Amino acid sequence: MVNTINMSEEMKKELAFSEEEKQEIRAAHLMPITFDEDCPETTPEQAIKFRRVNPPRKPEALRA
């Protein structure tokens, strides 16, 4: 994420999506997910073995 508080309006506009990019994102959102041999769907057995690379941190109050 970017802190935009100290950015100029020009820099903010440069970071923003264009209308064309926004339309592409909307169109991609409506497309179905397609699995293939390079990226197969996760099986229930694989899902059970799945482990997050970056597990969520506990709140400060619970760490003690």
C-alpha atoms as a PDB file:
ATOM      1  CA  MET A   1       0.000   0.000   0.000  1.00  0.00           C
ATOM      2  CA  VAL A   2       1.084   3.518  -0.661  1.00  0.00           C
ATOM      3  CA  ASN A   3       0.879   6.471   1.710  1.00  0.00           C
ATOM      4  CA  THR A   4      -0.626   9.233  -0.422  1.00  0.00           C
ATOM      5  CA  ILE A   5      -0.699  11.951   2.240  1.00  0.00           C
ATOM      6  CA  ASN A   6       2.583  13.533   1.141  1.00  0.00           C
ATOM      7  CA  MET A   7       2.073  13.006  -2.598  1.00  0.00           C
ATOM      8  CA  SER A   8       1.292  15.659  -5.158  1.00  0.00           C
ATOM      9  CA  GLU A   9      -1.924  15.424  -7.182  1.00  0.00           C
ATOM     10  CA  GLU A  10       0.165  14.571 -10.240  1.00  0.00           C
ATOM     11  CA  MET A  11       1.747  11.603  -8.466  1.00  0.00           C
ATOM     12  CA  LYS A  12      -1.666  10.410  -7.253  1.00  0.00           C
ATOM     13  CA  LYS A  13      -3.057  10.538 -10.805  1.00  0.00           C
ATOM     14  CA  GLU A  14      -0.054   8.593 -12.067  1.00  0.00           C
ATOM     15  CA  LEU A  15      -0.744   5.804  -9.551  1.00  0.00           C
ATOM     16  CA  ALA A  16      -4.492   5.630 -10.250  1.00  0.00           C
ATOM     17  CA  PHE A  17      -6.020   3.174 -12.725  1.00  0.00           C
ATOM     18  CA  SER A  18      -7.119   4.584 -16.055  1.00  0.00           C
ATOM     19  CA  GLU A  19     -10.727   4.095 -17.188  1.00  0.00           C
ATOM     20  CA  GLU A  20      -9.533   1.457 -19.667  1.00  0.00           C
ATOM     21  CA  GLU A  21      -7.756  -0.456 -16.885  1.00  0.00           C
ATOM     22  CA  LYS A  22     -10.853  -0.242 -14.691  1.00  0.00           C
ATOM     23  CA  GLN A  23     -12.975  -1.713 -17.500  1.00  0.00           C
ATOM     24  CA  GLU A  24     -10.452  -4.542 -17.992  1.00  0.00           C
ATOM     25  CA  ILE A  25     -10.557  -5.332 -14.266  1.00  0.00           C
ATOM     26  CA  ARG A  26     -14.388  -5.387 -14.296  1.00  0.00           C
ATOM     27  CA  ALA A  27     -14.385  -7.698 -17.330  1.00  0.00           C
ATOM     28  CA  ALA A  28     -11.830 -10.030 -15.716  1.00  0.00           C
ATOM     29  CA  HIS A  29     -13.924 -10.140 -12.543  1.00  0.00           C
ATOM     30  CA  LEU A  30     -16.856 -11.535 -14.536  1.00  0.00           C
ATOM     31  CA  MET A  31     -14.812 -14.256 -16.259  1.00  0.00           C
ATOM     32  CA  PRO A  32     -14.916 -17.779 -14.799  1.00  0.00           C
ATOM     33  CA  ILE A  33     -11.811 -19.360 -13.280  1.00  0.00           C
ATOM     34  CA  THR A  34     -10.363 -21.896 -15.713  1.00  0.00           C
ATOM     35  CA  PHE A  35      -8.042 -24.622 -14.426  1.00  0.00           C
ATOM     36  CA  ASP A  36      -5.601 -26.435 -16.747  1.00  0.00           C
ATOM     37  CA  GLU A  37      -2.679 -28.859 -16.530  1.00  0.00           C
ATOM     38  CA  ASP A  38      -0.283 -26.063 -15.515  1.00  0.00           C
ATOM     39  CA  CYS A  39      -2.568 -24.857 -12.734  1.00  0.00           C
ATOM     40  CA  PRO A  40      -4.954 -27.598 -11.589  1.00  0.00           C
ATOM     41  CA  GLU A  41      -7.668 -27.064  -9.006  1.00  0.00           C
ATOM     42  CA  THR A  42      -6.612 -27.804  -5.425  1.00  0.00           C
ATOM     43  CA  THR A  43      -7.826 -31.197  -4.213  1.00  0.00           C
ATOM     44  CA  PRO A  44      -9.269 -31.636  -0.700  1.00  0.00           C
ATOM     45  CA  GLU A  45      -6.106 -33.585   0.268  1.00  0.00           C
ATOM     46  CA  GLN A  46      -3.894 -30.710  -0.884  1.00  0.00           C
ATOM     47  CA  ALA A  47      -6.077 -28.193   0.914  1.00  0.00           C
ATOM     48  CA  ILE A  48      -5.653 -30.087   4.210  1.00  0.00           C
ATOM     49  CA  LYS A  49      -1.848 -29.962   3.818  1.00  0.00           C
ATOM     50  CA  PHE A  50      -1.864 -26.295   2.849  1.00  0.00           C
ATOM     51  CA  ARG A  51       0.043 -24.026   5.216  1.00  0.00           C
ATOM     52  CA  ARG A  52       0.197 -20.261   4.960  1.00  0.00           C
ATOM     53  CA  VAL A  53       3.606 -18.807   4.196  1.00  0.00           C
ATOM     54  CA  ASN A  54       2.805 -15.717   6.250  1.00  0.00           C
ATOM     55  CA  PRO A  55       0.499 -16.785   9.094  1.00  0.00           C
ATOM     56  CA  PRO A  56      -1.632 -14.011  10.585  1.00  0.00           C
ATOM     57  CA  ARG A  57      -0.086 -12.293  13.584  1.00  0.00           C
ATOM     58  CA  LYS A  58      -1.752 -12.394  16.962  1.00  0.00           C
ATOM     59  CA  PRO A  59      -2.853  -9.029  18.369  1.00  0.00           C
ATOM     60  CA  GLU A  60      -0.395  -7.473  20.831  1.00  0.00           C
ATOM     61  CA  ALA A  61      -2.741  -8.190  23.747  1.00  0.00           C
ATOM     62  CA  LEU A  62      -2.648 -11.951  23.082  1.00  0.00           C
ATOM     63  CA  ARG A  63       1.121 -12.302  22.595  1.00  0.00           C
ATOM     64  CA  ALA A  64       2.080 -12.074  26.268  1.00  0.00           C
END
